[in-house]
C-alpha atoms as a PDB file:
ATOM      1  CA  UNK A   1     -42.527  15.588   2.052  1.00  0.00           C
ATOM      2  CA  UNK A   2     -41.486  12.045   1.957  1.00  0.00           C
ATOM      3  CA  UNK A   3     -38.099  10.897   1.143  1.00  0.00           C
ATOM      4  CA  UNK A   4     -37.397   7.195   0.387  1.00  0.00           C
ATOM      5  CA  UNK A   5     -35.014   5.569   3.205  1.00  0.00           C
ATOM      6  CA  UNK A   6     -31.893   3.967   1.562  1.00  0.00           C
ATOM      7  CA  UNK A   7     -30.268   1.414   3.633  1.00  0.00           C
ATOM      8  CA  UNK A   8     -26.745   2.566   5.177  1.00  0.00           C
ATOM      9  CA  UNK A   9     -25.210  -0.697   2.999  1.00  0.00           C
ATOM     10  CA  UNK A  10     -26.072   0.699  -0.228  1.00  0.00           C
ATOM     11  CA  UNK A  11     -24.732   4.232   0.837  1.00  0.00           C
ATOM     12  CA  UNK A  12     -21.587   2.582   1.929  1.00  0.00           C
ATOM     13  CA  UNK A  13     -20.966   0.378  -1.101  1.00  0.00           C
ATOM     14  CA  UNK A  14     -21.843   3.787  -3.262  1.00  0.00           C
ATOM     15  CA  UNK A  15     -19.124   5.593  -1.375  1.00  0.00           C
ATOM     16  CA  UNK A  16     -16.628   3.025  -1.717  1.00  0.00           C
ATOM     17  CA  UNK A  17     -17.345   2.731  -5.642  1.00  0.00           C
ATOM     18  CA  UNK A  18     -16.926   6.389  -5.919  1.00  0.00           C
ATOM     19  CA  UNK A  19     -13.658   6.523  -3.960  1.00  0.00           C
ATOM     20  CA  UNK A  20     -12.508   3.631  -5.940  1.00  0.00           C
ATOM     21  CA  UNK A  21     -13.396   5.170  -9.253  1.00  0.00           C
ATOM     22  CA  UNK A  22     -11.422   8.712  -8.355  1.00  0.00           C
ATOM     23  CA  UNK A  23      -8.327   7.058  -6.784  1.00  0.00           C
ATOM     24  CA  UNK A  24      -8.034   4.110  -8.472  1.00  0.00           C
ATOM     25  CA  UNK A  25      -6.960   1.963  -5.711  1.00  0.00           C
ATOM     26  CA  UNK A  26      -9.353  -0.972  -4.766  1.00  0.00           C
ATOM     27  CA  UNK A  27      -9.062  -2.173  -1.259  1.00  0.00           C
ATOM     28  CA  UNK A  28      -6.564  -4.794  -0.766  1.00  0.00           C
ATOM     29  CA  UNK A  29      -6.498  -7.973   1.786  1.00  0.00           C
ATOM     30  CA  UNK A  30      -3.585  -9.934   2.336  1.00  0.00           C
ATOM     31  CA  UNK A  31      -4.010 -12.095   5.448  1.00  0.00           C
ATOM     32  CA  UNK A  32      -3.430 -10.023   8.371  1.00  0.00           C
ATOM     33  CA  UNK A  33      -3.487  -6.727   6.783  1.00  0.00           C
ATOM     34  CA  UNK A  34      -5.948  -4.884   4.938  1.00  0.00           C
ATOM     35  CA  UNK A  35      -4.917  -1.876   2.827  1.00  0.00           C
ATOM     36  CA  UNK A  36      -7.678   0.982   2.683  1.00  0.00           C
ATOM     37  CA  UNK A  37      -7.208   3.409  -0.189  1.00  0.00           C
ATOM     38  CA  UNK A  38     -10.512   5.460   0.923  1.00  0.00           C
ATOM     39  CA  UNK A  39      -8.743   6.356   4.065  1.00  0.00           C
ATOM     40  CA  UNK A  40      -5.363   5.692   3.361  1.00  0.00           C
ATOM     41  CA  UNK A  41      -4.536   3.553   6.011  1.00  0.00           C
ATOM     42  CA  UNK A  42      -3.426  -0.167   6.646  1.00  0.00           C
ATOM     43  CA  UNK A  43      -5.442  -1.876   9.066  1.00  0.00           C
ATOM     44  CA  UNK A  44      -3.546  -5.031  11.233  1.00  0.00           C
ATOM     45  CA  UNK A  45      -5.367  -7.967  12.452  1.00  0.00           C
ATOM     46  CA  UNK A  46      -3.692  -6.970  15.645  1.00  0.00           C
ATOM     47  CA  UNK A  47      -5.606  -3.964  15.840  1.00  0.00           C
ATOM     48  CA  UNK A  48      -3.241  -1.473  14.626  1.00  0.00           C
ATOM     49  CA  UNK A  49      -4.613   1.457  12.230  1.00  0.00           C
ATOM     50  CA  UNK A  50      -1.156   3.073  10.269  1.00  0.00           C
ATOM     51  CA  UNK A  51      -1.798   6.423   8.414  1.00  0.00           C
ATOM     52  CA  UNK A  52       0.276   6.601   5.234  1.00  0.00           C
ATOM     53  CA  UNK A  53       1.484   9.667   3.324  1.00  0.00           C
ATOM     54  CA  UNK A  54       0.951   9.422  -0.188  1.00  0.00           C
ATOM     55  CA  UNK A  55       4.263   8.321  -1.454  1.00  0.00           C
ATOM     56  CA  UNK A  56       4.239   5.731   1.192  1.00  0.00           C
ATOM     57  CA  UNK A  57       0.530   4.622   0.261  1.00  0.00           C
ATOM     58  CA  UNK A  58       1.740   4.230  -3.427  1.00  0.00           C
ATOM     59  CA  UNK A  59       5.012   2.277  -2.473  1.00  0.00           C
ATOM     60  CA  UNK A  60       2.795   0.065  -0.160  1.00  0.00           C
ATOM     61  CA  UNK A  61      -0.335  -0.326  -3.008  1.00  0.00           C
ATOM     62  CA  UNK A  62       2.728  -1.506  -5.497  1.00  0.00           C
ATOM     63  CA  UNK A  63       4.271  -3.741  -3.443  1.00  0.00           C
ATOM     64  CA  UNK A  64       1.129  -5.553  -2.185  1.00  0.00           C
ATOM     65  CA  UNK A  65      -0.318  -5.660  -5.749  1.00  0.00           C
ATOM     66  CA  UNK A  66       2.578  -8.174  -6.265  1.00  0.00           C
ATOM     67  CA  UNK A  67       3.066 -10.336  -3.372  1.00  0.00           C
ATOM     68  CA  UNK A  68       6.132 -12.744  -3.252  1.00  0.00           C
ATOM     69  CA  UNK A  69       7.537 -11.226  -6.682  1.00  0.00           C
ATOM     70  CA  UNK A  70      10.877  -9.271  -6.707  1.00  0.00           C
ATOM     71  CA  UNK A  71      10.583  -5.798  -7.780  1.00  0.00           C
ATOM     72  CA  UNK A  72      13.612  -4.021  -8.619  1.00  0.00           C
ATOM     73  CA  UNK A  73      14.288  -0.626  -7.804  1.00  0.00           C
ATOM     74  CA  UNK A  74      14.298   0.885 -10.950  1.00  0.00           C
ATOM     75  CA  UNK A  75      10.604  -0.817 -11.832  1.00  0.00           C
ATOM     76  CA  UNK A  76       9.721   0.563  -8.493  1.00  0.00           C
ATOM     77  CA  UNK A  77      10.844   4.154  -9.402  1.00  0.00           C
ATOM     78  CA  UNK A  78       8.978   3.674 -12.683  1.00  0.00           C
ATOM     79  CA  UNK A  79       5.635   2.754 -11.116  1.00  0.00           C
ATOM     80  CA  UNK A  80       5.522   4.684  -7.871  1.00  0.00           C
ATOM     81  CA  UNK A  81       7.544   7.580  -8.742  1.00  0.00           C
ATOM     82  CA  UNK A  82       6.261   7.685 -12.392  1.00  0.00           C
ATOM     83  CA  UNK A  83       9.840   8.080 -14.034  1.00  0.00           C
ATOM     84  CA  UNK A  84      12.759   5.844 -15.384  1.00  0.00           C
ATOM     85  CA  UNK A  85      16.131   6.440 -13.375  1.00  0.00           C
ATOM     86  CA  UNK A  86      19.440   5.389 -15.039  1.00  0.00           C
ATOM     87  CA  UNK A  87      22.127   4.867 -12.489  1.00  0.00           C
ATOM     88  CA  UNK A  88      22.162   4.730  -8.453  1.00  0.00           C
ATOM     89  CA  UNK A  89      19.667   6.179  -6.367  1.00  0.00           C
ATOM     90  CA  UNK A  90      18.731   5.377  -2.467  1.00  0.00           C
ATOM     91  CA  UNK A  91      15.234   7.026  -2.792  1.00  0.00           C
ATOM     92  CA  UNK A  92      13.513   3.597  -2.908  1.00  0.00           C
ATOM     93  CA  UNK A  93      15.773   2.399  -0.122  1.00  0.00           C
ATOM     94  CA  UNK A  94      14.920   5.230   1.824  1.00  0.00           C
ATOM     95  CA  UNK A  95      11.053   5.053   1.438  1.00  0.00           C
ATOM     96  CA  UNK A  96      11.252   1.308   2.038  1.00  0.00           C
ATOM     97  CA  UNK A  97      12.831   2.076   5.523  1.00  0.00           C
ATOM     98  CA  UNK A  98      10.314   4.502   6.441  1.00  0.00           C
ATOM     99  CA  UNK A  99       7.487   2.261   5.508  1.00  0.00           C
ATOM    100  CA  UNK A 100       8.949  -0.631   7.388  1.00  0.00           C
ATOM    101  CA  UNK A 101       9.540   1.518  10.719  1.00  0.00           C
ATOM    102  CA  UNK A 102       5.401   1.985  10.023  1.00  0.00           C
ATOM    103  CA  UNK A 103       4.046  -1.328   9.009  1.00  0.00           C
ATOM    104  CA  UNK A 104       6.416  -4.051  10.551  1.00  0.00           C
ATOM    105  CA  UNK A 105       6.397  -4.840  14.189  1.00  0.00           C
ATOM    106  CA  UNK A 106      10.248  -4.936  13.991  1.00  0.00           C
ATOM    107  CA  UNK A 107      11.491  -2.877  11.459  1.00  0.00           C
ATOM    108  CA  UNK A 108      15.138  -4.471  11.553  1.00  0.00           C
ATOM    109  CA  UNK A 109      13.558  -7.824  10.892  1.00  0.00           C
ATOM    110  CA  UNK A 110      10.877  -7.424   8.680  1.00  0.00           C
ATOM    111  CA  UNK A 111       8.238  -9.729   7.934  1.00  0.00           C
ATOM    112  CA  UNK A 112       6.555  -8.301   4.879  1.00  0.00           C
ATOM    113  CA  UNK A 113       8.774  -6.353   2.922  1.00  0.00           C
ATOM    114  CA  UNK A 114      11.564  -7.967   2.336  1.00  0.00           C
ATOM    115  CA  UNK A 115      14.652  -6.842   0.882  1.00  0.00           C
ATOM    116  CA  UNK A 116      16.362  -9.201  -1.777  1.00  0.00           C
ATOM    117  CA  UNK A 117      20.026  -8.409  -1.931  1.00  0.00           C
ATOM    118  CA  UNK A 118      21.440  -6.984  -5.417  1.00  0.00           C
ATOM    119  CA  UNK A 119      17.663  -7.808  -7.016  1.00  0.00           C
ATOM    120  CA  UNK A 120      15.074  -5.373  -5.027  1.00  0.00           C
ATOM    121  CA  UNK A 121      12.178  -5.946  -2.807  1.00  0.00           C
ATOM    122  CA  UNK A 122       9.408  -8.099  -2.388  1.00  0.00           C
ATOM    123  CA  UNK A 123       5.974  -8.025  -0.215  1.00  0.00           C
ATOM    124  CA  UNK A 124       5.122 -11.107   1.770  1.00  0.00           C
ATOM    125  CA  UNK A 125       1.783 -11.085   3.465  1.00  0.00           C
END
């Protein structure tokens, strides 16, 4: 029996579309950072690869989809965690700190995830 040959690029494209359909996170490119939703990892121009937990993944995705825009803690809680929270919570700050230690070259002086005092956070590519 003879099977037709399918070019690898078609298989790769189909796989990416399938993953995109199921995971609803398209691949994002922000200058030196590539956010890969299929593999749950972040690729950097310097060759670093960082694996993320599902929550870190959603947090970074939300920040990267809104580059340069200041997002409040309550907006982030609503979109990333999926619930509204009234009052004070350091949940977002804790996860931002964890994410910074993974993706920033120097977590104490971040270049990508910036804190805007009393307002929230913003992503800078």
